[in-house]
Protein backbone atom coordinates (compact mmCIF):
# COMPACT_ATOMS: atom_id res chain seq x y z
CA MET A 1 -9.55 -20.43 -107.41
CA SER A 2 -7.96 -17.14 -106.42
CA LEU A 3 -11.25 -16.10 -104.75
CA LEU A 4 -11.16 -19.28 -102.67
CA VAL A 5 -7.51 -18.83 -101.68
CA PHE A 6 -7.43 -15.10 -101.01
CA GLY A 7 -11.06 -14.50 -100.13
CA LEU A 8 -11.63 -17.40 -97.76
CA LEU A 9 -8.55 -19.42 -96.84
CA TYR A 10 -6.23 -16.42 -96.39
CA GLN A 11 -8.74 -14.44 -94.33
CA GLY A 12 -9.75 -17.51 -92.36
CA SER A 13 -6.14 -18.32 -91.49
CA LEU A 14 -5.53 -14.74 -90.32
CA MET A 15 -8.60 -14.88 -88.10
CA ALA A 16 -7.53 -18.21 -86.64
CA ILE A 17 -4.04 -16.90 -85.88
CA GLY A 18 -5.50 -13.77 -84.33
CA ASP A 19 -7.87 -15.77 -82.13
CA ALA A 20 -5.01 -17.99 -80.97
CA VAL A 21 -2.34 -15.34 -80.38
CA PHE A 22 -4.41 -12.26 -79.48
CA PRO A 23 -7.82 -13.58 -78.38
CA ASN A 24 -8.92 -10.39 -76.62
CA SER A 25 -7.79 -8.01 -79.36
CA SER A 26 -9.29 -10.10 -82.17
CA ALA A 27 -12.64 -9.98 -80.34
CA GLY A 28 -12.58 -6.18 -80.25
CA SER A 29 -10.90 -5.72 -76.83
CA PRO A 30 -14.20 -5.88 -74.89
CA VAL A 31 -14.35 -4.61 -71.30
CA TYR A 32 -16.34 -6.58 -68.73
CA VAL A 33 -17.17 -5.52 -65.17
CA ASP A 34 -18.67 -7.27 -62.15
CA GLY A 35 -18.76 -10.61 -63.92
CA GLN A 36 -21.36 -9.43 -66.42
CA GLU A 37 -21.80 -11.45 -69.60
CA GLN A 38 -22.25 -8.35 -71.76
CA PRO A 39 -19.30 -5.95 -72.16
CA VAL A 40 -19.68 -2.34 -71.04
CA GLY A 41 -17.50 -1.15 -73.90
CA SER A 42 -14.23 -1.65 -75.71
CA GLN A 43 -10.70 -0.58 -74.90
CA MET A 44 -10.36 0.59 -78.51
CA ILE A 45 -13.61 2.54 -79.02
CA GLY A 46 -14.40 5.73 -77.14
CA GLN A 47 -17.65 6.46 -75.40
CA GLN A 48 -19.67 9.63 -74.95
CA PHE A 49 -18.29 11.29 -71.80
CA ARG A 50 -18.65 14.96 -72.68
CA PRO A 51 -19.12 18.40 -71.10
CA GLY A 52 -22.64 19.66 -71.46
CA GLN A 53 -24.08 16.34 -70.28
CA PRO A 54 -25.00 16.68 -66.58
CA GLU A 55 -24.71 12.94 -65.95
CA ASP A 56 -21.05 13.05 -67.02
CA VAL A 57 -19.92 15.85 -64.69
CA GLN A 58 -18.43 13.42 -62.18
CA TYR A 59 -16.43 11.55 -64.83
CA PHE A 60 -13.44 12.34 -67.01
CA TRP A 61 -14.46 13.70 -70.39
CA SER A 62 -13.31 12.22 -73.69
CA ARG A 63 -12.55 13.94 -76.97
CA PRO A 64 -15.25 15.50 -79.19
CA SER A 65 -16.81 13.22 -81.79
CA ALA A 66 -18.35 14.13 -85.13
CA ASN A 67 -20.83 11.25 -84.83
CA ASP A 68 -21.51 11.11 -81.08
CA TYR A 69 -19.30 8.02 -80.77
CA ASN A 70 -21.55 5.95 -83.02
CA ALA A 71 -19.36 2.93 -83.75
CA MET A 72 -21.37 2.18 -86.88
CA THR A 73 -19.85 5.18 -88.66
CA SER A 74 -16.19 6.11 -88.46
CA ALA A 75 -15.59 9.58 -89.84
CA SER A 76 -14.41 13.05 -88.94
CA THR A 77 -15.79 16.37 -90.16
CA ASN A 78 -12.55 17.13 -92.04
CA TRP A 79 -13.09 20.81 -91.31
CA GLY A 80 -9.98 22.86 -92.04
CA PRO A 81 -8.57 25.45 -89.61
CA THR A 82 -10.23 28.30 -91.52
CA ASN A 83 -13.68 26.70 -91.58
CA PRO A 84 -16.09 28.78 -89.45
CA LEU A 85 -17.97 25.62 -88.48
CA LEU A 86 -14.86 24.36 -86.73
CA SER A 87 -14.49 27.64 -84.84
CA GLU A 88 -18.14 27.48 -83.78
CA ARG A 89 -17.81 23.91 -82.56
CA VAL A 90 -14.64 24.67 -80.57
CA ARG A 91 -16.28 27.74 -78.99
CA ALA A 92 -19.27 25.60 -78.02
CA ASP A 93 -16.97 23.02 -76.43
CA LEU A 94 -15.10 25.72 -74.51
CA GLN A 95 -18.39 27.16 -73.33
CA ASN A 96 -19.50 23.77 -72.00
CA ILE A 97 -16.13 23.23 -70.37
CA SER A 98 -16.29 26.70 -68.77
CA GLN A 99 -19.27 25.60 -66.67
CA TYR A 100 -16.92 23.45 -64.60
CA GLU A 101 -13.35 24.24 -65.65
CA THR A 102 -11.35 27.38 -66.41
CA PRO A 103 -11.21 27.52 -70.25
CA ASP A 104 -7.99 29.47 -70.69
CA ASP A 105 -4.90 28.84 -72.80
CA SER A 106 -4.11 25.78 -70.69
CA VAL A 107 -7.02 23.70 -72.06
CA PRO A 108 -5.40 20.60 -73.63
CA VAL A 109 -6.08 20.61 -77.34
CA ASN A 110 -7.53 17.11 -77.50
CA LEU A 111 -10.43 18.14 -75.28
CA VAL A 112 -11.64 20.38 -78.13
CA SER A 113 -10.34 18.45 -81.15
CA GLU A 114 -11.78 15.24 -82.56
CA SER A 115 -9.72 12.34 -83.84
CA GLY A 116 -9.72 11.12 -87.42
CA SER A 117 -12.05 8.22 -86.55
CA SER A 118 -14.23 10.30 -84.18
CA TYR A 119 -14.17 7.62 -81.50
CA ASP A 120 -10.70 7.75 -80.01
CA ALA A 121 -10.74 5.85 -76.73
CA HIS A 122 -7.85 7.86 -75.25
CA ILE A 123 -6.90 11.35 -74.12
CA SER A 124 -3.50 12.69 -73.17
CA PRO A 125 -2.33 12.56 -69.53
CA ALA A 126 -2.43 16.36 -69.56
CA ALA A 127 -6.10 16.30 -70.59
CA ALA A 128 -6.89 13.90 -67.74
CA GLU A 129 -4.89 15.91 -65.18
CA TYR A 130 -6.68 19.09 -66.28
CA GLN A 131 -9.96 17.53 -65.12
CA VAL A 132 -8.83 16.27 -61.73
CA LEU A 133 -10.05 19.23 -59.66
CA ARG A 134 -13.55 19.05 -61.18
CA VAL A 135 -13.88 15.30 -60.70
CA ALA A 136 -12.59 15.63 -57.12
CA ASN A 137 -15.12 18.35 -56.34
CA GLN A 138 -17.99 16.42 -57.91
CA THR A 139 -17.20 13.02 -56.36
CA GLY A 140 -15.37 13.69 -53.10
CA ILE A 141 -12.50 11.48 -54.27
CA SER A 142 -9.16 13.01 -53.32
CA GLU A 143 -7.01 14.62 -56.01
CA GLN A 144 -4.15 12.34 -54.98
CA ARG A 145 -6.20 9.21 -55.58
CA LEU A 146 -7.48 10.52 -58.92
CA ASN A 147 -3.91 11.22 -60.05
CA GLU A 148 -2.98 7.68 -59.03
CA MET A 149 -5.85 6.40 -61.17
CA ILE A 150 -4.55 8.43 -64.10
CA ASP A 151 -1.10 6.92 -63.66
CA GLU A 152 -2.61 3.44 -63.59
CA ALA A 153 -4.70 4.07 -66.74
CA THR A 154 -1.79 5.65 -68.67
CA LYS A 155 -0.31 3.54 -71.45
CA GLU A 156 3.28 4.17 -72.53
CA PRO A 157 4.48 4.42 -76.15
CA TRP A 158 4.82 1.00 -77.77
CA LEU A 159 8.32 -0.31 -76.99
CA GLY A 160 8.97 3.12 -75.53
CA ILE A 161 9.37 4.56 -79.04
CA TRP A 162 6.19 4.60 -81.14
CA GLY A 163 3.21 6.70 -80.20
CA HIS A 164 2.57 8.88 -77.18
CA GLU A 165 1.48 8.45 -73.60
CA ARG A 166 -2.29 8.05 -73.52
CA VAL A 167 -5.05 7.50 -70.98
CA ASN A 168 -7.95 5.15 -71.68
CA VAL A 169 -11.03 7.16 -70.68
CA LEU A 170 -13.34 4.16 -70.13
CA GLU A 171 -10.77 2.40 -67.94
CA LEU A 172 -10.23 5.58 -65.93
CA ASN A 173 -13.95 6.19 -65.44
CA LEU A 174 -14.52 2.62 -64.33
CA MET A 175 -11.96 3.29 -61.59
CA VAL A 176 -13.91 6.40 -60.62
CA ARG A 177 -17.13 4.37 -60.56
CA ASP A 178 -15.55 1.75 -58.32
CA ALA A 179 -14.31 4.44 -55.93
CA LEU A 180 -17.80 5.98 -55.81
CA ASN A 181 -19.29 2.57 -55.02
CA GLU A 182 -16.77 2.17 -52.19
CA GLN A 183 -17.76 5.56 -50.81
CA ASN A 184 -21.45 4.67 -50.96
CA GLU A 185 -20.86 1.42 -49.11
CA THR A 186 -18.84 3.23 -46.43
CA ASP A 187 -21.55 5.88 -46.05
CA GLN A 188 -24.25 3.21 -45.73
CA ASN A 189 -22.25 1.35 -43.06
CA SER A 190 -21.68 4.60 -41.17
CA ASP A 191 -25.42 5.39 -41.28
CA MET A 192 -26.24 1.90 -39.99
CA ASN A 193 -23.76 2.21 -37.12
CA ALA A 194 -25.10 5.65 -36.21
CA SER A 195 -28.65 4.29 -36.23
CA GLU A 196 -27.67 1.37 -33.98
CA ILE A 197 -25.97 3.71 -31.53
CA ALA A 198 -29.02 5.99 -31.49
CA ASN A 199 -31.23 2.98 -30.74
CA GLY A 200 -28.98 1.91 -27.90
CA ASP A 201 -27.71 -1.24 -29.55
CA HIS A 202 -24.11 -0.44 -28.49
């Protein structure tokens, strides 16, 4: 009887309440773009945007992950501060960062430190702002607009008390992607107009 009550009815009632009150959160906070049926990710699970990956140079980087952001396994390395493996991993991260940034004492710590779950979806505003110059240089998006995106993607502490300010990396990078698409459309229109002028259509 207790198995029926606590194993099925209790869990089922919690799921029903969650679906009714917090439908998006209970479904895993999926993120959809462009009307696609399949989500591109989750607001709660980080994705692999990291230095050392050429395809990610134009995007904001997330925190290191012990499992390459594999959502099937949630774990950290649990390396202590005196563990040489931790020092090696941090040095490797700094070396990758140094290809595009200036890895001095100002590097925000969460760009070289993993979270307990290894797939934190957020970085600090300072970590996002540190990357603005690189993203601006790589994309052509102005630093002012990138900072506005960071402000828009920044979540405040819950009720202004619990937690810290944080920036959702996926949300921020989707804004960057949209801005890049706008630039591409503008460039294509400019090329078409220039071609029409050259052909004497105007």
